[in-house]
Amino acid sequence: MFYAIVLAAGGSSRTGVEKLLLPFGGKKVLTHIVDELLASRLDQVIVVVGSDSDKVEGELSQRSVGIVANPDYTRGMLSSVRCGIENLPSECSTVMEVPGRQTSLNHELIDEMAIQFGKAGKDILVPCHRGKHGYPLFFMMKYCDEIMTSFDETGLRGLLAAHAEDVFEMEVSEPSALSDIDRP
């Protein structure tokens, strides 16, 4: 099974407001992203919350997603990835790690990435635009134990470096895989 882990636990320290709850396309940023994931071929979506968890959970209350609280969200994105991994069911085979602020993400791109991941014969997929890595990141469950104990200084970039031979770099024509919102 194919699960997405949406990282929605950040403290929004750079903006001073919860970016995921800002309006975007008639919805909130996070609901836009979750709706695109739910419209894709993924089997399930898990959202990791931390800061403003009550507001984020309330925003998603009408969507069929799993919600997981990260008590250590101040320790950064990797702590949320780990929290999501800890809550994956045993039948999960593939994980898609999605920043909760990647508004350019759409279900067509998600589906194309899932198709290419299946065809590539590699265990990790990262979208690239002109040689620069973006998000979301796909990886097989076999890396989860390593993610739980390694890469404290580098995050998942360390996974890509440690297993470069297992990485399929999917070239995307638009720079959307490189963008997310850091400012209101």
Protein backbone atom coordinates (compact mmCIF):
# COMPACT_ATOMS: atom_id res chain seq x y z
CA MET A 1 0.00 0.00 0.00
CA PHE A 2 1.03 3.55 -0.77
CA TYR A 3 0.84 6.09 2.10
CA ALA A 4 1.50 9.82 2.15
CA ILE A 5 2.91 11.50 5.24
CA VAL A 6 2.02 15.20 5.19
CA LEU A 7 4.25 17.34 7.38
CA ALA A 8 1.96 19.88 9.03
CA ALA A 9 3.58 20.32 12.44
CA GLY A 10 5.80 23.36 11.98
CA GLY A 11 5.73 26.40 14.19
CA SER A 12 5.61 28.98 11.36
CA SER A 13 8.40 30.90 13.07
CA ARG A 14 9.46 32.72 9.87
CA THR A 15 5.99 34.03 9.05
CA GLY A 16 4.42 34.49 12.45
CA VAL A 17 1.17 32.92 11.20
CA GLU A 18 0.19 29.32 10.52
CA LYS A 19 0.96 29.11 6.79
CA LEU A 20 -1.05 25.93 6.37
CA LEU A 21 -4.23 27.73 7.38
CA LEU A 22 -3.80 30.66 4.97
CA PRO A 23 -6.35 30.90 2.15
CA PHE A 24 -5.39 29.31 -1.15
CA GLY A 25 -7.67 28.73 -4.14
CA GLY A 26 -10.90 28.96 -2.13
CA LYS A 27 -9.56 26.60 0.55
CA LYS A 28 -6.82 26.64 3.13
CA VAL A 29 -3.30 25.66 2.02
CA LEU A 30 -3.40 22.35 3.88
CA THR A 31 -6.88 21.33 2.71
CA HIS A 32 -5.83 22.05 -0.88
CA ILE A 33 -2.85 19.73 -0.53
CA VAL A 34 -4.80 17.00 1.29
CA ASP A 35 -7.58 17.14 -1.32
CA GLU A 36 -5.04 16.69 -4.11
CA LEU A 37 -3.54 13.70 -2.29
CA LEU A 38 -6.98 12.17 -1.73
CA ALA A 39 -7.80 12.64 -5.42
CA SER A 40 -4.66 10.70 -6.40
CA ARG A 41 -3.97 6.98 -6.58
CA LEU A 42 -2.50 6.90 -3.06
CA ASP A 43 -4.11 4.49 -0.61
CA GLN A 44 -4.03 6.63 2.54
CA VAL A 45 -2.93 10.00 3.88
CA ILE A 46 -1.47 10.64 7.34
CA VAL A 47 -1.09 14.25 8.50
CA VAL A 48 1.46 14.96 11.23
CA VAL A 49 0.44 17.94 13.36
CA GLY A 50 2.19 19.87 16.10
CA SER A 51 1.87 23.63 16.40
CA ASP A 52 -1.76 24.79 16.15
CA SER A 53 -2.81 21.14 16.10
CA ASP A 54 -6.41 21.86 17.16
CA LYS A 55 -6.90 24.32 14.29
CA VAL A 56 -5.24 22.01 11.76
CA GLU A 57 -7.26 18.99 12.92
CA GLY A 58 -10.45 21.06 12.76
CA GLU A 59 -9.66 22.10 9.21
CA LEU A 60 -9.30 18.45 8.19
CA SER A 61 -12.24 17.06 10.18
CA GLN A 62 -14.31 16.42 7.04
CA ARG A 63 -11.55 14.53 5.24
CA SER A 64 -10.67 10.87 5.45
CA VAL A 65 -7.12 11.19 6.74
CA GLY A 66 -5.18 9.92 9.72
CA ILE A 67 -4.02 12.60 12.15
CA VAL A 68 -0.89 12.05 14.26
CA ALA A 69 0.42 14.49 16.86
CA ASN A 70 4.17 15.07 16.95
CA PRO A 71 5.09 16.03 20.54
CA ASP A 72 8.62 16.91 19.36
CA TYR A 73 7.68 19.12 16.40
CA THR A 74 10.08 21.85 17.53
CA ARG A 75 12.93 19.48 16.65
CA GLY A 76 12.26 19.96 12.93
CA MET A 77 10.87 18.20 9.89
CA LEU A 78 12.72 14.94 10.44
CA SER A 79 10.95 14.50 13.78
CA SER A 80 7.62 14.74 11.94
CA VAL A 81 8.75 12.26 9.28
CA ARG A 82 9.71 9.87 12.08
CA CYS A 83 6.40 10.41 13.86
CA GLY A 84 4.55 9.61 10.63
CA ILE A 85 6.66 6.49 10.04
CA GLU A 86 5.94 5.25 13.56
CA ASN A 87 2.24 5.36 12.70
CA LEU A 88 2.34 3.54 9.38
CA PRO A 89 0.56 0.19 9.24
CA SER A 90 2.48 -2.98 8.45
CA GLU A 91 0.82 -3.28 5.04
CA CYS A 92 2.42 -0.02 3.88
CA SER A 93 5.07 -0.65 1.23
CA THR A 94 5.79 2.85 -0.07
CA VAL A 95 5.89 6.24 1.59
CA MET A 96 5.46 9.66 0.04
CA GLU A 97 6.79 12.49 2.23
CA VAL A 98 4.98 15.76 1.51
CA PRO A 99 5.65 19.20 2.98
CA GLY A 100 2.31 20.62 4.07
CA ARG A 101 3.07 23.94 2.41
CA GLN A 102 3.71 22.71 -1.14
CA THR A 103 0.76 24.44 -2.81
CA SER A 104 1.94 23.58 -6.31
CA LEU A 105 1.30 19.89 -5.70
CA ASN A 106 -1.57 18.40 -7.69
CA HIS A 107 -3.01 14.92 -8.10
CA GLU A 108 -1.81 14.64 -11.71
CA LEU A 109 1.81 15.12 -10.64
CA ILE A 110 1.35 12.75 -7.71
CA ASP A 111 -0.06 10.07 -10.00
CA GLU A 112 2.69 10.56 -12.57
CA MET A 113 5.32 10.27 -9.85
CA ALA A 114 3.68 7.09 -8.55
CA ILE A 115 3.66 5.61 -12.07
CA GLN A 116 7.30 6.55 -12.68
CA PHE A 117 8.27 5.20 -9.27
CA GLY A 118 6.78 1.85 -10.22
CA LYS A 119 8.55 1.82 -13.59
CA ALA A 120 11.94 3.14 -12.50
CA GLY A 121 13.15 0.04 -10.72
CA LYS A 122 14.60 2.21 -7.95
CA ASP A 123 13.58 2.41 -4.30
CA ILE A 124 13.63 6.20 -3.91
CA LEU A 125 12.17 8.85 -6.21
CA VAL A 126 12.82 12.58 -6.03
CA PRO A 127 11.46 15.12 -8.51
CA CYS A 128 14.08 17.35 -10.11
CA HIS A 129 14.00 20.51 -12.13
CA ARG A 130 17.21 21.46 -13.92
CA GLY A 131 19.26 19.28 -11.58
CA LYS A 132 17.78 20.60 -8.34
CA HIS A 133 15.92 18.22 -6.03
CA GLY A 134 12.39 19.00 -4.88
CA TYR A 135 9.43 17.37 -3.16
CA PRO A 136 7.52 15.17 -2.57
CA LEU A 137 9.92 12.32 -1.91
CA PHE A 138 8.93 8.68 -2.44
CA PHE A 139 10.72 5.83 -0.71
CA MET A 140 10.24 2.16 0.11
CA MET A 141 9.55 1.06 3.67
CA LYS A 142 12.90 -0.72 3.82
CA TYR A 143 14.53 2.67 4.59
CA CYS A 144 12.30 3.48 7.56
CA ASP A 145 14.50 1.91 10.24
CA GLU A 146 17.46 3.89 8.94
CA ILE A 147 15.43 7.13 8.83
CA MET A 148 14.38 6.55 12.45
CA THR A 149 18.01 6.44 13.63
CA SER A 150 20.04 8.47 11.12
CA PHE A 151 20.19 11.77 9.24
CA ASP A 152 19.73 14.05 12.27
CA GLU A 153 21.95 16.72 10.71
CA THR A 154 20.89 16.34 7.07
CA GLY A 155 17.25 15.26 7.12
CA LEU A 156 16.11 13.16 4.19
CA ARG A 157 18.79 14.71 1.98
CA GLY A 158 21.04 12.32 3.90
CA LEU A 159 18.94 9.39 2.73
CA LEU A 160 19.41 10.48 -0.88
CA ALA A 161 23.18 10.80 -0.39
CA ALA A 162 23.53 7.50 1.50
CA HIS A 163 21.64 5.60 -1.19
CA ALA A 164 22.46 7.52 -4.36
CA GLU A 165 22.45 4.30 -6.38
CA ASP A 166 18.82 3.69 -5.35
CA VAL A 167 17.56 7.15 -6.32
CA PHE A 168 15.53 7.86 -9.46
CA GLU A 169 15.60 11.56 -10.27
CA MET A 170 12.35 12.28 -12.09
CA GLU A 171 12.80 15.36 -14.24
CA VAL A 172 9.79 17.67 -14.12
CA SER A 173 9.29 20.41 -16.70
CA GLU A 174 7.97 23.01 -14.26
CA PRO A 175 9.81 24.24 -11.17
CA SER A 176 6.69 23.58 -9.06
CA ALA A 177 8.33 20.59 -7.35
CA LEU A 178 10.89 22.99 -5.92
CA SER A 179 8.48 25.52 -4.50
CA ASP A 180 6.53 25.88 -1.31
CA ILE A 181 5.35 28.85 0.71
CA ASP A 182 7.69 30.39 3.25
CA ARG A 183 5.97 33.76 3.41
CA PRO A 184 2.32 34.78 3.57
